[in-house]
Amino acid sequence: MTPGADAADASSIAERASAVGVAPDLVYTTEVDGYELAPQSVGPGAADGMSATWFNSTTGAMLTIRTDRGELTEASCAATPLGDAPDEAVTCTNEDGVWHRHGGDIHEYVAVRDGALIRVTGANAALPGDLLQAAENVHVPTDAELDALFADVPETPAEPVERGDLPENGDGAPIDPVGPGG
């Protein structure tokens, strides 16, 4: 999909994202050849960002995007440690809005979109080229992609659930009558 083309409307994104505590402006998705979204992986990440993982069923490789607010400069890019290698020196190159961060054996790509940082990391031998493709293809989801992203998120009930085992007065402990032998 071309970034920005046919993107879901802001109210649809806000409705789905708010159910899991994700800021609507931090909802992004991506497309990578050979990878499929793992809907159960979609959820909150960072302060009010989101996290989602795609997997390659042939190779077992996984890539994850994590969104957050911020800006990335050459100085802050190099000064921010990589997750699993906090002591490694980080080298950064900016390639048309996608930062390649590298330290030791770890590669991370960061797409910058409208004040959002979308970090793309890999596991199980995900290739750097796959991570780069994911970062380049980051975009606001279409209606269909939004449905896929939040497919496994439970819907919250509109009304409080009536338990039926709480007393009308007292300390609010559940009513647990004593039965035989107890």
Protein backbone atom coordinates (compact mmCIF):
# COMPACT_ATOMS: atom_id res chain seq x y z
CA MET A 1 0.00 0.00 0.00
CA THR A 2 1.17 3.52 -0.71
CA PRO A 3 1.60 5.42 2.57
CA GLY A 4 -1.39 7.67 3.14
CA ALA A 5 -3.55 6.08 0.40
CA ASP A 6 -6.90 4.82 1.65
CA ALA A 7 -5.87 5.18 5.29
CA ALA A 8 -8.55 4.42 7.85
CA ASP A 9 -10.24 7.53 9.21
CA ALA A 10 -8.99 8.98 12.48
CA SER A 11 -12.18 8.16 14.42
CA SER A 12 -11.98 4.45 13.47
CA ILE A 13 -8.35 4.32 14.53
CA ALA A 14 -9.10 6.15 17.79
CA GLU A 15 -11.96 3.78 18.64
CA ARG A 16 -9.85 0.64 18.14
CA ALA A 17 -6.63 2.01 19.66
CA SER A 18 -8.21 3.46 22.80
CA ALA A 19 -9.50 0.00 23.78
CA VAL A 20 -5.90 -1.06 24.45
CA GLY A 21 -4.40 2.23 25.63
CA VAL A 22 -2.61 3.16 22.40
CA ALA A 23 -2.59 6.76 21.17
CA PRO A 24 -4.37 6.89 17.79
CA ASP A 25 -1.56 8.90 16.20
CA LEU A 26 0.88 6.09 17.03
CA VAL A 27 -1.01 3.32 15.18
CA TYR A 28 1.06 2.14 12.23
CA THR A 29 1.45 -1.04 10.23
CA THR A 30 3.82 -2.35 7.58
CA GLU A 31 4.15 -4.86 4.77
CA VAL A 32 7.10 -7.17 4.23
CA ASP A 33 7.38 -9.90 1.60
CA GLY A 34 7.04 -13.33 3.23
CA TYR A 35 5.83 -12.05 6.61
CA GLU A 36 2.35 -12.14 8.15
CA LEU A 37 1.01 -10.20 11.10
CA ALA A 38 0.64 -12.12 14.37
CA PRO A 39 -2.58 -10.44 15.63
CA GLN A 40 -2.09 -11.73 19.18
CA SER A 41 1.11 -9.66 19.37
CA VAL A 42 -0.61 -6.30 18.89
CA GLY A 43 -0.81 -4.22 22.04
CA PRO A 44 0.51 -1.23 23.91
CA GLY A 45 4.19 -0.38 23.97
CA ALA A 46 6.23 2.52 25.35
CA ALA A 47 4.22 5.24 27.12
CA ASP A 48 1.24 5.29 24.75
CA GLY A 49 2.60 3.66 21.61
CA MET A 50 1.95 0.24 20.14
CA SER A 51 3.85 -2.90 19.40
CA ALA A 52 3.13 -5.54 16.73
CA THR A 53 5.06 -8.52 15.36
CA TRP A 54 5.13 -10.15 11.92
CA PHE A 55 6.49 -13.66 11.31
CA ASN A 56 7.86 -15.59 8.37
CA SER A 57 6.44 -19.13 8.51
CA THR A 58 9.15 -20.46 6.17
CA THR A 59 12.21 -19.20 8.06
CA GLY A 60 10.80 -18.59 11.56
CA ALA A 61 12.14 -15.03 11.46
CA MET A 62 10.17 -12.32 13.23
CA LEU A 63 10.16 -8.56 13.01
CA THR A 64 8.55 -6.16 15.44
CA ILE A 65 7.51 -2.55 15.14
CA ARG A 66 7.25 -0.37 18.24
CA THR A 67 5.90 3.15 18.05
CA ASP A 68 6.66 6.09 20.31
CA ARG A 69 6.78 9.86 20.16
CA GLY A 70 9.99 11.76 19.58
CA GLU A 71 12.53 12.88 17.10
CA LEU A 72 15.79 11.35 16.06
CA THR A 73 18.91 13.32 15.26
CA GLU A 74 22.34 12.05 14.43
CA ALA A 75 23.48 12.78 17.99
CA SER A 76 20.47 11.20 19.73
CA CYS A 77 20.55 8.22 17.37
CA ALA A 78 24.12 7.35 18.29
CA ALA A 79 23.61 8.14 21.99
CA THR A 80 20.58 5.83 22.41
CA PRO A 81 21.69 2.29 23.29
CA LEU A 82 20.35 -0.66 21.33
CA GLY A 83 18.02 -2.87 23.38
CA ASP A 84 20.05 -6.07 23.80
CA ALA A 85 23.47 -4.43 23.46
CA PRO A 86 23.50 -1.42 25.81
CA ASP A 87 27.31 -1.30 25.92
CA GLU A 88 27.89 -1.49 22.14
CA ALA A 89 28.77 1.65 20.20
CA VAL A 90 25.90 2.59 17.90
CA THR A 91 26.45 3.79 14.36
CA CYS A 92 23.64 5.60 12.56
CA THR A 93 22.92 6.49 8.97
CA ASN A 94 19.85 8.36 7.76
CA GLU A 95 18.51 7.14 4.45
CA ASP A 96 15.54 9.29 3.34
CA GLY A 97 13.68 9.28 6.65
CA VAL A 98 14.74 5.79 7.72
CA TRP A 99 17.56 5.55 10.24
CA HIS A 100 19.72 2.43 10.25
CA ARG A 101 21.06 1.83 13.74
CA HIS A 102 23.76 -0.80 14.11
CA GLY A 103 25.81 -2.02 17.05
CA GLY A 104 27.54 -5.39 17.38
CA ASP A 105 25.28 -7.97 15.72
CA ILE A 106 22.11 -5.90 16.19
CA HIS A 107 20.37 -3.95 13.45
CA GLU A 108 17.45 -1.61 14.02
CA TYR A 109 15.67 0.61 11.54
CA VAL A 110 13.67 3.63 12.65
CA ALA A 111 11.08 5.29 10.42
CA VAL A 112 10.10 8.85 11.30
CA ARG A 113 6.50 9.78 10.48
CA ASP A 114 4.65 12.91 11.71
CA GLY A 115 6.37 13.08 15.10
CA ALA A 116 6.28 9.30 15.59
CA LEU A 117 9.29 7.03 15.77
CA ILE A 118 8.58 3.53 14.50
CA ARG A 119 11.37 1.16 15.52
CA VAL A 120 11.76 -2.05 13.54
CA THR A 121 13.73 -4.86 15.15
CA GLY A 122 14.14 -8.53 14.32
CA ALA A 123 14.48 -11.92 15.96
CA ASN A 124 15.26 -15.48 14.88
CA ALA A 125 17.69 -14.37 12.16
CA ALA A 126 15.49 -11.74 10.52
CA LEU A 127 17.55 -10.26 7.72
CA PRO A 128 18.52 -6.57 7.83
CA GLY A 129 16.98 -6.22 4.34
CA ASP A 130 13.62 -7.39 5.74
CA LEU A 131 13.87 -4.87 8.57
CA LEU A 132 14.67 -2.10 6.09
CA GLN A 133 11.73 -3.09 3.89
CA ALA A 134 9.44 -3.01 6.95
CA ALA A 135 10.69 0.46 7.94
CA GLU A 136 10.30 1.81 4.42
CA ASN A 137 6.74 0.43 4.20
CA VAL A 138 5.47 1.80 7.54
CA HIS A 139 2.13 3.56 7.09
CA VAL A 140 -1.19 4.40 8.73
CA PRO A 141 -3.38 1.30 8.30
CA THR A 142 -6.29 0.98 5.89
CA ASP A 143 -9.66 -0.13 7.29
CA ALA A 144 -8.83 -3.77 6.47
CA GLU A 145 -5.36 -3.50 8.04
CA LEU A 146 -6.87 -1.82 11.11
CA ASP A 147 -9.28 -4.75 11.49
CA ALA A 148 -6.36 -7.20 11.19
CA LEU A 149 -4.21 -5.26 13.69
CA PHE A 150 -6.89 -5.28 16.36
CA ALA A 151 -8.53 -8.63 15.50
CA ASP A 152 -7.45 -10.30 18.75
CA VAL A 153 -8.11 -7.33 21.03
CA PRO A 154 -11.11 -8.12 23.23
CA GLU A 155 -13.99 -5.71 22.94
CA THR A 156 -14.71 -3.88 26.17
CA PRO A 157 -18.31 -4.05 27.39
CA ALA A 158 -20.28 -0.80 27.18
CA GLU A 159 -21.85 -1.34 30.61
CA PRO A 160 -20.20 -2.61 33.79
CA VAL A 161 -20.60 -6.33 34.28
CA GLU A 162 -22.93 -7.14 37.18
CA ARG A 163 -21.19 -9.76 39.30
CA GLY A 164 -24.07 -10.79 41.54
CA ASP A 165 -21.85 -12.01 44.34
CA LEU A 166 -21.04 -8.66 45.95
CA PRO A 167 -23.02 -7.48 48.97
CA GLU A 168 -24.95 -4.23 48.72
CA ASN A 169 -23.21 -2.92 51.87
CA GLY A 170 -20.15 -3.73 53.93
CA ASP A 171 -16.58 -4.08 52.77
CA GLY A 172 -17.43 -5.29 49.29
CA ALA A 173 -15.98 -8.77 49.72
CA PRO A 174 -17.68 -11.45 47.61
CA ILE A 175 -20.43 -13.47 49.27
CA ASP A 176 -18.89 -16.88 49.85
CA PRO A 177 -21.23 -18.98 51.97
CA VAL A 178 -19.69 -21.74 54.03
CA GLY A 179 -20.69 -25.20 52.86
CA PRO A 180 -20.45 -28.60 54.55
CA GLY A 181 -17.05 -29.23 56.04
CA GLY A 182 -15.93 -25.65 55.81
